[in-house]
Amino acid sequence: MRTFGRILLWMLLAILLVSAGTVAWHWDFVQRVFLGGVKIYETEPPKLPTAIKRPAILVFSKTNGFRHEEAIPAANRALASMAHEQGWGFYQTENGAAFDPSILARFDAVIFNNVSGDVLTPAQKTAFRAFVERGGGYVGIHAAGDDSHSWPWFVNNLIGAKFIGHPMDPQFQRASVRTEGDHPAIAGLPRRWGRADEWYSFDASPRSKSFNVALTIDETSYSPVGMFGKDLAMGADHPVAWWRCTGRGRTFYSALGHTAASYSEAENIGLLKGAIQWALGGIGPGCDEALAAEDKR
């Protein structure tokens, strides 16, 4: 009865929030998040093209949590166009069985496009971890850093901070973003510019886990207040994009990108292009050099 009562309470809360227009939740979200919807795990891998030119990116957009219905296809289109322009091989899938050593070996970087929830089997997680630690690149976008991910290695090494919420009054706000450092992902971007998005807050800066920050947000330029008035302020250091080496793999995360419009925004496209170029190993500081420097200490 207690379980039933909790489910009923969550259902009523969801109905009230939707009817109040507070957030655009779908029934799919209520099922997945509040009712513990069935999680899907694929075991039959997709059939890839016979030839995929290198360097190649694998774009993964599976969700077992909240699904960004508009942002995911917009990002997939933008990434496909980017790959064509840059001469990269490109393959997009929502099939977790693509995380097999023989398939991952055909790619140089994996992009998590708003991936949410627990999406990989233990064997698939092992393959992905080995891919990254042995030199494969990784770029995570927006929901790839939310609180739906429970895999400790992923959370600690590819996110680096715990998501605690985003503003709700209003949910989408224009704010001032600032670049930091000289990572290739921010080359050519303005030192400071304004943009609208759903702004994530985290429990602590990822700097504490040896991540290097590429973008921060000026909290004085928007209202970091979440649902029921929750204070989401992080203070003067509020990163929204960061990077580091994980083993020999180049890994990058950007909290930007809830809206479809984000993927037609020149600055965000520039950020993603630079991040992917770096993750592919084409430009910027390498991880072999970083590991060698650490070994000498």
Protein backbone atom coordinates (compact mmCIF):
# COMPACT_ATOMS: atom_id res chain seq x y z
CA MET A 1 0.00 0.00 0.00
CA ARG A 2 2.88 2.37 0.71
CA THR A 3 4.26 1.84 -2.80
CA PHE A 4 0.82 2.44 -4.31
CA GLY A 5 0.43 5.57 -2.21
CA ARG A 6 3.74 6.98 -3.40
CA ILE A 7 2.86 6.27 -7.02
CA LEU A 8 -0.52 7.95 -6.60
CA LEU A 9 1.12 10.96 -4.96
CA TRP A 10 3.61 11.36 -7.78
CA MET A 11 0.88 10.99 -10.38
CA LEU A 12 -1.20 13.69 -8.72
CA LEU A 13 1.83 15.97 -8.46
CA ALA A 14 2.62 15.46 -12.14
CA ILE A 15 -0.98 16.22 -13.14
CA LEU A 16 -0.99 19.40 -11.05
CA LEU A 17 2.28 20.61 -12.52
CA VAL A 18 1.21 19.89 -16.08
CA SER A 19 -2.19 21.53 -15.60
CA ALA A 20 -0.49 24.56 -14.09
CA GLY A 21 1.73 24.83 -17.15
CA THR A 22 4.86 24.73 -14.99
CA VAL A 23 6.72 22.27 -17.22
CA ALA A 24 5.98 20.54 -20.49
CA TRP A 25 6.08 16.96 -19.30
CA HIS A 26 4.77 14.13 -21.47
CA TRP A 27 3.06 10.95 -20.31
CA ASP A 28 6.17 9.12 -21.48
CA PHE A 29 8.19 11.09 -18.89
CA VAL A 30 5.70 10.33 -16.11
CA GLN A 31 5.89 6.63 -16.97
CA ARG A 32 9.67 6.54 -17.10
CA VAL A 33 10.51 8.70 -14.11
CA PHE A 34 7.61 8.45 -11.66
CA LEU A 35 6.28 4.97 -12.43
CA GLY A 36 9.63 3.28 -12.97
CA GLY A 37 8.89 2.56 -16.64
CA VAL A 38 10.45 -0.44 -18.31
CA LYS A 39 14.05 0.16 -19.34
CA ILE A 40 15.07 -1.23 -22.70
CA TYR A 41 18.43 -2.89 -23.33
CA GLU A 42 19.37 -4.03 -26.82
CA THR A 43 21.42 -7.16 -27.44
CA GLU A 44 21.29 -7.34 -31.26
CA PRO A 45 23.75 -4.81 -32.71
CA PRO A 46 22.80 -2.55 -35.61
CA LYS A 47 24.06 -3.28 -39.10
CA LEU A 48 26.59 -0.62 -39.93
CA PRO A 49 27.65 0.42 -43.43
CA THR A 50 30.43 -1.70 -44.86
CA ALA A 51 32.75 1.29 -44.99
CA ILE A 52 32.86 4.26 -42.60
CA LYS A 53 35.60 6.78 -43.32
CA ARG A 54 37.91 7.90 -40.55
CA PRO A 55 37.99 9.77 -38.34
CA ALA A 56 34.47 8.73 -37.44
CA ILE A 57 31.93 9.71 -34.79
CA LEU A 58 29.24 7.48 -33.29
CA VAL A 59 26.27 9.61 -32.23
CA PHE A 60 24.18 7.91 -29.54
CA SER A 61 20.80 9.34 -28.49
CA LYS A 62 19.07 6.57 -26.55
CA THR A 63 16.93 7.50 -23.55
CA ASN A 64 15.67 5.44 -20.63
CA GLY A 65 14.82 8.63 -18.76
CA PHE A 66 13.47 12.02 -19.82
CA ARG A 67 13.52 12.41 -23.60
CA HIS A 68 14.28 15.74 -25.25
CA GLU A 69 11.86 15.19 -28.11
CA GLU A 70 12.79 18.33 -30.05
CA ALA A 71 16.46 18.72 -29.17
CA ILE A 72 17.57 15.18 -30.03
CA PRO A 73 16.57 15.18 -33.72
CA ALA A 74 17.79 18.77 -34.10
CA ALA A 75 21.18 17.83 -32.67
CA ASN A 76 21.38 14.68 -34.81
CA ARG A 77 20.78 16.75 -37.94
CA ALA A 78 23.34 19.36 -36.90
CA LEU A 79 25.96 16.71 -36.11
CA ALA A 80 25.35 14.91 -39.41
CA SER A 81 25.79 18.18 -41.28
CA MET A 82 28.91 18.97 -39.28
CA ALA A 83 30.41 15.56 -40.03
CA HIS A 84 29.74 16.02 -43.74
CA GLU A 85 31.38 19.45 -43.77
CA GLN A 86 34.40 18.25 -41.78
CA GLY A 87 34.85 15.02 -43.71
CA TRP A 88 34.19 12.75 -40.72
CA GLY A 89 32.56 9.37 -40.88
CA PHE A 90 29.15 9.46 -39.17
CA TYR A 91 26.74 6.93 -37.75
CA GLN A 92 23.77 7.63 -35.48
CA THR A 93 21.94 5.05 -33.39
CA GLU A 94 19.80 4.46 -30.32
CA ASN A 95 20.85 0.82 -30.14
CA GLY A 96 22.97 0.16 -27.06
CA ALA A 97 24.34 -3.02 -28.61
CA ALA A 98 26.51 -0.77 -30.77
CA PHE A 99 28.71 -0.59 -27.68
CA ASP A 100 30.58 -3.71 -28.66
CA PRO A 101 34.38 -3.74 -28.98
CA SER A 102 34.27 -4.69 -32.66
CA ILE A 103 31.87 -1.84 -33.48
CA LEU A 104 33.50 0.80 -31.29
CA ALA A 105 36.82 0.00 -32.98
CA ARG A 106 35.39 1.58 -36.14
CA PHE A 107 34.97 4.96 -34.45
CA ASP A 108 37.26 7.58 -32.98
CA ALA A 109 34.77 9.38 -30.74
CA VAL A 110 31.33 8.79 -29.23
CA ILE A 111 28.82 11.61 -28.83
CA PHE A 112 26.07 11.28 -26.18
CA ASN A 113 23.26 13.42 -27.59
CA ASN A 114 20.97 14.06 -24.61
CA VAL A 115 21.28 10.44 -23.47
CA SER A 116 19.38 9.88 -20.22
CA GLY A 117 18.84 7.01 -17.82
CA ASP A 118 20.63 3.68 -17.56
CA VAL A 119 21.02 2.75 -21.23
CA LEU A 120 23.78 0.13 -21.42
CA THR A 121 24.12 -3.45 -20.19
CA PRO A 122 27.12 -4.32 -17.99
CA ALA A 123 28.98 -5.75 -21.00
CA GLN A 124 28.25 -2.64 -23.06
CA LYS A 125 29.48 -0.43 -20.23
CA THR A 126 32.72 -2.42 -20.05
CA ALA A 127 33.25 -1.98 -23.80
CA PHE A 128 32.58 1.76 -23.64
CA ARG A 129 34.89 2.28 -20.68
CA ALA A 130 37.70 0.39 -22.42
CA PHE A 131 37.12 2.45 -25.58
CA VAL A 132 37.55 5.73 -23.70
CA GLU A 133 40.42 4.72 -21.45
CA ARG A 134 42.40 3.35 -24.40
CA GLY A 135 42.13 6.59 -26.34
CA GLY A 136 38.61 6.96 -27.73
CA GLY A 137 37.06 10.41 -27.54
CA TYR A 138 33.80 11.36 -25.85
CA VAL A 139 31.52 14.41 -25.99
CA GLY A 140 28.42 14.59 -23.77
CA ILE A 141 25.58 17.00 -24.50
CA HIS A 142 23.12 18.47 -21.97
CA ALA A 143 21.10 15.54 -20.49
CA ALA A 144 24.22 13.37 -20.67
CA GLY A 145 25.10 15.18 -17.44
CA ASP A 146 21.78 15.08 -15.59
CA ASP A 147 20.96 13.03 -12.49
CA SER A 148 19.43 10.06 -14.35
CA HIS A 149 22.82 8.38 -14.73
CA SER A 150 23.68 5.86 -12.01
CA TRP A 151 26.84 4.25 -13.42
CA PRO A 152 29.61 5.37 -11.00
CA TRP A 153 32.45 5.32 -13.55
CA PHE A 154 30.42 7.43 -15.98
CA VAL A 155 29.33 9.89 -13.30
CA ASN A 156 32.82 10.32 -11.84
CA ASN A 157 34.85 10.39 -15.05
CA LEU A 158 32.60 11.73 -17.80
CA ILE A 159 30.31 14.07 -15.84
CA GLY A 160 32.36 14.99 -12.79
CA ALA A 161 29.60 16.78 -10.89
CA LYS A 162 26.11 15.94 -9.61
CA PHE A 163 23.18 17.68 -11.31
CA ILE A 164 20.89 19.29 -8.71
CA GLY A 165 18.31 21.05 -10.87
CA HIS A 166 17.48 23.81 -13.32
CA PRO A 167 15.38 26.98 -13.08
CA MET A 168 11.60 26.72 -13.32
CA ASP A 169 10.41 30.33 -13.08
CA PRO A 170 10.96 30.61 -15.96
CA GLN A 171 12.54 27.37 -17.13
CA PHE A 172 14.32 28.95 -20.10
CA GLN A 173 16.26 32.16 -19.47
CA ARG A 174 18.71 34.31 -21.34
CA ALA A 175 22.01 34.50 -19.49
CA SER A 176 25.60 35.57 -19.98
CA VAL A 177 28.14 32.83 -20.77
CA ARG A 178 31.89 33.35 -20.46
CA THR A 179 34.77 31.39 -21.97
CA GLU A 180 37.73 30.32 -19.87
CA GLY A 181 41.12 29.01 -20.90
CA ASP A 182 42.23 28.21 -24.43
CA HIS A 183 40.63 24.85 -25.26
CA PRO A 184 39.97 24.32 -29.00
CA ALA A 185 36.23 24.07 -28.28
CA ILE A 186 36.11 27.78 -27.46
CA ALA A 187 38.51 29.00 -30.14
CA GLY A 188 36.75 31.68 -32.15
CA LEU A 189 33.95 32.15 -29.62
CA PRO A 190 33.27 35.55 -28.06
CA ARG A 191 34.83 36.05 -24.65
CA ARG A 192 31.31 36.64 -23.36
CA TRP A 193 27.89 36.37 -25.00
CA GLY A 194 24.22 35.98 -24.13
CA ARG A 195 22.02 33.01 -24.96
CA ALA A 196 18.82 31.35 -23.76
CA ASP A 197 18.68 27.78 -22.46
CA GLU A 198 17.67 25.59 -19.54
CA TRP A 199 20.60 26.16 -17.21
CA TYR A 200 21.87 23.20 -15.19
CA SER A 201 23.25 23.61 -11.67
CA PHE A 202 25.53 21.10 -9.97
CA ASP A 203 26.46 20.23 -6.41
CA ALA A 204 30.03 21.44 -6.88
CA SER A 205 32.39 22.66 -9.54
CA PRO A 206 33.98 19.80 -11.54
CA ARG A 207 37.33 21.50 -10.95
CA SER A 208 37.42 19.55 -7.68
CA LYS A 209 37.75 16.36 -9.74
CA SER A 210 40.53 17.67 -11.97
CA PHE A 211 38.30 18.78 -14.84
CA ASN A 212 39.26 21.87 -16.82
CA VAL A 213 36.51 24.44 -17.28
CA ALA A 214 35.79 25.88 -20.73
CA LEU A 215 32.56 27.83 -20.06
CA THR A 216 30.96 29.40 -17.01
CA ILE A 217 27.66 31.22 -16.57
CA ASP A 218 27.24 34.54 -14.81
CA GLU A 219 24.60 33.92 -12.14
CA THR A 220 23.88 37.63 -11.86
CA SER A 221 22.49 37.52 -15.41
CA TYR A 222 19.63 35.09 -14.67
CA SER A 223 17.58 33.69 -11.78
CA PRO A 224 18.95 30.31 -10.56
CA VAL A 225 15.79 29.31 -8.70
CA GLY A 226 14.32 25.85 -9.18
CA MET A 227 11.02 24.17 -8.48
CA PHE A 228 9.32 25.20 -5.22
CA GLY A 229 11.86 28.02 -4.84
CA LYS A 230 14.92 25.77 -4.53
CA ASP A 231 18.13 27.78 -4.50
CA LEU A 232 20.33 26.51 -7.35
CA ALA A 233 23.05 29.14 -7.08
CA MET A 234 26.63 27.88 -7.28
CA GLY A 235 28.21 31.29 -6.81
CA ALA A 236 30.98 32.90 -8.82
CA ASP A 237 32.19 29.56 -10.19
CA HIS A 238 29.29 28.01 -12.14
CA PRO A 239 30.77 25.89 -14.97
CA VAL A 240 28.58 24.74 -17.87
CA ALA A 241 31.23 23.07 -20.07
CA TRP A 242 34.43 21.26 -19.13
CA TRP A 243 36.99 18.69 -20.25
CA ARG A 244 39.76 16.37 -19.15
CA CYS A 245 41.65 13.21 -20.05
CA THR A 246 40.09 9.96 -18.86
CA GLY A 247 42.83 7.41 -19.27
CA ARG A 248 44.05 8.15 -22.80
CA GLY A 249 40.64 9.36 -23.91
CA ARG A 250 39.77 13.00 -24.53
CA THR A 251 36.44 13.72 -22.83
CA PHE A 252 34.27 16.84 -22.99
CA TYR A 253 30.88 17.75 -21.52
CA SER A 254 28.58 20.68 -22.33
CA ALA A 255 25.43 21.38 -20.31
CA LEU A 256 24.09 23.54 -23.15
CA GLY A 257 21.43 22.26 -25.53
CA HIS A 258 17.93 21.64 -24.15
CA THR A 259 16.20 23.42 -27.02
CA ALA A 260 16.12 22.59 -30.72
CA ALA A 261 17.15 26.18 -31.40
CA SER A 262 20.48 25.49 -29.67
CA TYR A 263 21.56 23.45 -32.69
CA SER A 264 21.16 26.31 -35.14
CA GLU A 265 23.02 28.73 -32.86
CA ALA A 266 26.43 29.60 -34.28
CA GLU A 267 28.22 29.74 -30.91
CA ASN A 268 26.89 26.39 -29.72
CA ILE A 269 27.68 24.73 -33.04
CA GLY A 270 31.18 26.19 -32.84
CA LEU A 271 31.57 24.83 -29.31
CA LEU A 272 30.47 21.33 -30.33
CA LYS A 273 32.60 21.32 -33.47
CA GLY A 274 35.71 22.30 -31.54
CA ALA A 275 34.96 19.79 -28.79
CA ILE A 276 34.52 16.96 -31.30
CA GLN A 277 37.62 17.94 -33.28
CA TRP A 278 39.59 17.77 -30.04
CA ALA A 279 37.96 14.50 -28.95
CA LEU A 280 38.89 12.98 -32.31
CA GLY A 281 42.52 13.83 -31.61
CA GLY A 282 42.92 16.30 -34.44
CA ILE A 283 43.73 19.45 -32.45
CA GLY A 284 44.68 20.68 -29.01
CA PRO A 285 46.32 19.07 -25.98
CA GLY A 286 46.60 15.30 -26.17
CA CYS A 287 46.11 12.82 -23.37
CA ASP A 288 49.22 10.77 -24.05
CA GLU A 289 51.24 13.89 -23.28
CA ALA A 290 49.21 14.56 -20.12
CA LEU A 291 49.74 11.02 -18.87
CA ALA A 292 53.45 11.19 -19.61
CA ALA A 293 53.71 14.43 -17.63
CA GLU A 294 51.93 12.81 -14.68
CA ASP A 295 54.27 9.81 -14.82
CA LYS A 296 57.27 12.13 -14.43
CA ARG A 297 55.92 13.69 -11.24
